[in-house]
Amino acid sequence: MAVVVVALLACKKKEESSTSGSTSSAASGDSIGVPECDEYLTKYEACLKEKVPAVARPALEDAMKKTRETYKNLAANPTTKAGLPASCKQALDATKTAMSSYGCTW
């Protein structure tokens, strides 16, 4: 599912290339600096660590790392940062539904 989120985000990036936002990179550590993205990643990672079976975890964790890198890059670009709150909210909603099969709730 995270791969789908990254693909959706890539499409969204093209749509949002004409919008502008403030410039800033990730706030600190693994933080993206966009509250909606930080919330999404925190909840998804907690679900992965606590609920997803070990056999399924590596692929999902790898996809999550790539998603985090993508979000950081988008947040660092003033042209794409403005669209991140909506994209991350959409990702959170989609992942919430998809991960419910593992017993994750948020």
C-alpha atoms as a PDB file:
ATOM      1  CA  MET A   1       0.000   0.000   0.000  1.00  0.00           C
ATOM      2  CA  ALA A   2       2.848   2.384   0.736  1.00  0.00           C
ATOM      3  CA  VAL A   3       4.090   1.942  -2.828  1.00  0.00           C
ATOM      4  CA  VAL A   4       0.665   3.031  -4.061  1.00  0.00           C
ATOM      5  CA  VAL A   5       0.882   6.063  -1.792  1.00  0.00           C
ATOM      6  CA  VAL A   6       4.259   6.986  -3.252  1.00  0.00           C
ATOM      7  CA  ALA A   7       2.878   6.568  -6.773  1.00  0.00           C
ATOM      8  CA  LEU A   8      -0.119   8.734  -5.930  1.00  0.00           C
ATOM      9  CA  LEU A   9       2.166  11.323  -4.423  1.00  0.00           C
ATOM     10  CA  ALA A  10       4.273  11.397  -7.572  1.00  0.00           C
ATOM     11  CA  CYS A  11       1.156  12.097  -9.628  1.00  0.00           C
ATOM     12  CA  LYS A  12       0.057  14.721  -7.136  1.00  0.00           C
ATOM     13  CA  LYS A  13       3.493  16.360  -7.397  1.00  0.00           C
ATOM     14  CA  LYS A  14       2.914  17.078 -11.080  1.00  0.00           C
ATOM     15  CA  GLU A  15      -0.483  18.639 -10.346  1.00  0.00           C
ATOM     16  CA  GLU A  16       0.931  20.830  -7.611  1.00  0.00           C
ATOM     17  CA  SER A  17       3.982  22.063  -9.481  1.00  0.00           C
ATOM     18  CA  SER A  18       2.250  25.354 -10.183  1.00  0.00           C
ATOM     19  CA  THR A  19       1.545  26.102  -6.505  1.00  0.00           C
ATOM     20  CA  SER A  20       3.949  27.814  -4.138  1.00  0.00           C
ATOM     21  CA  GLY A  21       4.738  27.354  -0.441  1.00  0.00           C
ATOM     22  CA  SER A  22       7.278  28.415   2.128  1.00  0.00           C
ATOM     23  CA  THR A  23      10.780  27.018   1.989  1.00  0.00           C
ATOM     24  CA  SER A  24      12.008  24.797   4.741  1.00  0.00           C
ATOM     25  CA  SER A  25      13.525  21.403   5.001  1.00  0.00           C
ATOM     26  CA  ALA A  26      12.598  18.713   7.475  1.00  0.00           C
ATOM     27  CA  ALA A  27      12.241  20.190  10.943  1.00  0.00           C
ATOM     28  CA  SER A  28      14.438  17.745  12.823  1.00  0.00           C
ATOM     29  CA  GLY A  29      15.631  14.159  12.617  1.00  0.00           C
ATOM     30  CA  ASP A  30      13.098  12.128  10.700  1.00  0.00           C
ATOM     31  CA  SER A  31      10.472  14.841  10.898  1.00  0.00           C
ATOM     32  CA  ILE A  32       9.169  16.058   7.570  1.00  0.00           C
ATOM     33  CA  GLY A  33       8.201  19.437   8.961  1.00  0.00           C
ATOM     34  CA  VAL A  34       4.638  19.126   7.698  1.00  0.00           C
ATOM     35  CA  PRO A  35       2.348  18.099  10.597  1.00  0.00           C
ATOM     36  CA  GLU A  36       0.036  15.995   8.423  1.00  0.00           C
ATOM     37  CA  CYS A  37       2.966  14.046   7.001  1.00  0.00           C
ATOM     38  CA  ASP A  38       4.595  13.583  10.389  1.00  0.00           C
ATOM     39  CA  GLU A  39       1.284  12.301  11.790  1.00  0.00           C
ATOM     40  CA  TYR A  40       0.832   9.884   8.896  1.00  0.00           C
ATOM     41  CA  LEU A  41       4.362   8.497   9.127  1.00  0.00           C
ATOM     42  CA  THR A  42       4.260   8.181  12.919  1.00  0.00           C
ATOM     43  CA  LYS A  43       0.975   6.279  12.892  1.00  0.00           C
ATOM     44  CA  TYR A  44       1.939   4.067   9.976  1.00  0.00           C
ATOM     45  CA  GLU A  45       5.321   3.184  11.459  1.00  0.00           C
ATOM     46  CA  ALA A  46       3.735   2.365  14.822  1.00  0.00           C
ATOM     47  CA  CYS A  47       1.310   0.056  13.044  1.00  0.00           C
ATOM     48  CA  LEU A  48       4.159  -1.630  11.174  1.00  0.00           C
ATOM     49  CA  LYS A  49       6.184  -2.205  14.324  1.00  0.00           C
ATOM     50  CA  GLU A  50       3.303  -3.288  16.555  1.00  0.00           C
ATOM     51  CA  LYS A  51       0.831  -5.140  14.341  1.00  0.00           C
ATOM     52  CA  VAL A  52       2.263  -6.258  11.002  1.00  0.00           C
ATOM     53  CA  PRO A  53       3.628  -9.825  10.994  1.00  0.00           C
ATOM     54  CA  ALA A  54       7.417 -10.056  10.797  1.00  0.00           C
ATOM     55  CA  VAL A  55       7.272 -11.788   7.414  1.00  0.00           C
ATOM     56  CA  ALA A  56       5.441  -8.844   5.817  1.00  0.00           C
ATOM     57  CA  ARG A  57       7.288  -6.089   7.661  1.00  0.00           C
ATOM     58  CA  PRO A  58      10.547  -5.674   5.654  1.00  0.00           C
ATOM     59  CA  ALA A  59       8.872  -4.770   2.358  1.00  0.00           C
ATOM     60  CA  LEU A  60       6.489  -2.334   4.050  1.00  0.00           C
ATOM     61  CA  GLU A  61       9.303  -0.757   6.071  1.00  0.00           C
ATOM     62  CA  ASP A  62      11.371  -0.320   2.908  1.00  0.00           C
ATOM     63  CA  ALA A  63       8.432   1.348   1.187  1.00  0.00           C
ATOM     64  CA  MET A  64       7.950   3.587   4.239  1.00  0.00           C
ATOM     65  CA  LYS A  65      11.603   4.677   4.132  1.00  0.00           C
ATOM     66  CA  LYS A  66      11.195   5.605   0.481  1.00  0.00           C
ATOM     67  CA  THR A  67       7.984   7.467   1.277  1.00  0.00           C
ATOM     68  CA  ARG A  68       9.740   9.412   4.037  1.00  0.00           C
ATOM     69  CA  GLU A  69      12.572  10.353   1.653  1.00  0.00           C
ATOM     70  CA  THR A  70      10.053  11.455  -0.963  1.00  0.00           C
ATOM     71  CA  TYR A  71       8.174  13.589   1.556  1.00  0.00           C
ATOM     72  CA  LYS A  72      11.422  15.177   2.758  1.00  0.00           C
ATOM     73  CA  ASN A  73      12.389  16.053  -0.800  1.00  0.00           C
ATOM     74  CA  LEU A  74       8.951  17.468  -1.545  1.00  0.00           C
ATOM     75  CA  ALA A  75       8.961  19.462   1.708  1.00  0.00           C
ATOM     76  CA  ALA A  76      12.317  20.981   0.789  1.00  0.00           C
ATOM     77  CA  ASN A  77      10.931  22.283  -2.505  1.00  0.00           C
ATOM     78  CA  PRO A  78       8.753  25.396  -2.187  1.00  0.00           C
ATOM     79  CA  THR A  79       6.877  24.449  -5.341  1.00  0.00           C
ATOM     80  CA  THR A  80       5.712  21.095  -3.963  1.00  0.00           C
ATOM     81  CA  LYS A  81       5.549  21.705  -0.215  1.00  0.00           C
ATOM     82  CA  ALA A  82       2.179  23.469  -0.359  1.00  0.00           C
ATOM     83  CA  GLY A  83       0.468  20.298  -1.582  1.00  0.00           C
ATOM     84  CA  LEU A  84       1.912  18.005   1.065  1.00  0.00           C
ATOM     85  CA  PRO A  85      -0.716  18.531   3.789  1.00  0.00           C
ATOM     86  CA  ALA A  86      -3.522  17.359   1.502  1.00  0.00           C
ATOM     87  CA  SER A  87      -1.451  14.494   0.072  1.00  0.00           C
ATOM     88  CA  CYS A  88      -0.431  13.241   3.500  1.00  0.00           C
ATOM     89  CA  LYS A  89      -4.003  13.480   4.801  1.00  0.00           C
ATOM     90  CA  GLN A  90      -5.149  11.448   1.807  1.00  0.00           C
ATOM     91  CA  ALA A  91      -2.373   8.905   2.432  1.00  0.00           C
ATOM     92  CA  LEU A  92      -3.358   8.660   6.100  1.00  0.00           C
ATOM     93  CA  ASP A  93      -6.994   7.999   5.221  1.00  0.00           C
ATOM     94  CA  ALA A  94      -6.117   5.365   2.602  1.00  0.00           C
ATOM     95  CA  THR A  95      -3.580   3.641   4.829  1.00  0.00           C
ATOM     96  CA  LYS A  96      -5.951   3.642   7.787  1.00  0.00           C
ATOM     97  CA  THR A  97      -8.370   1.553   5.761  1.00  0.00           C
ATOM     98  CA  ALA A  98      -5.708  -0.695   4.245  1.00  0.00           C
ATOM     99  CA  MET A  99      -3.924  -1.387   7.529  1.00  0.00           C
ATOM    100  CA  SER A 100      -7.106  -2.200   9.439  1.00  0.00           C
ATOM    101  CA  SER A 101      -6.660  -5.783   8.208  1.00  0.00           C
ATOM    102  CA  TYR A 102      -3.632  -5.973  10.526  1.00  0.00           C
ATOM    103  CA  GLY A 103      -5.651  -4.644  13.454  1.00  0.00           C
ATOM    104  CA  CYS A 104      -4.213  -1.147  13.257  1.00  0.00           C
ATOM    105  CA  THR A 105      -6.495   1.638  14.392  1.00  0.00           C
ATOM    106  CA  TRP A 106      -5.974   5.371  14.549  1.00  0.00           C
END
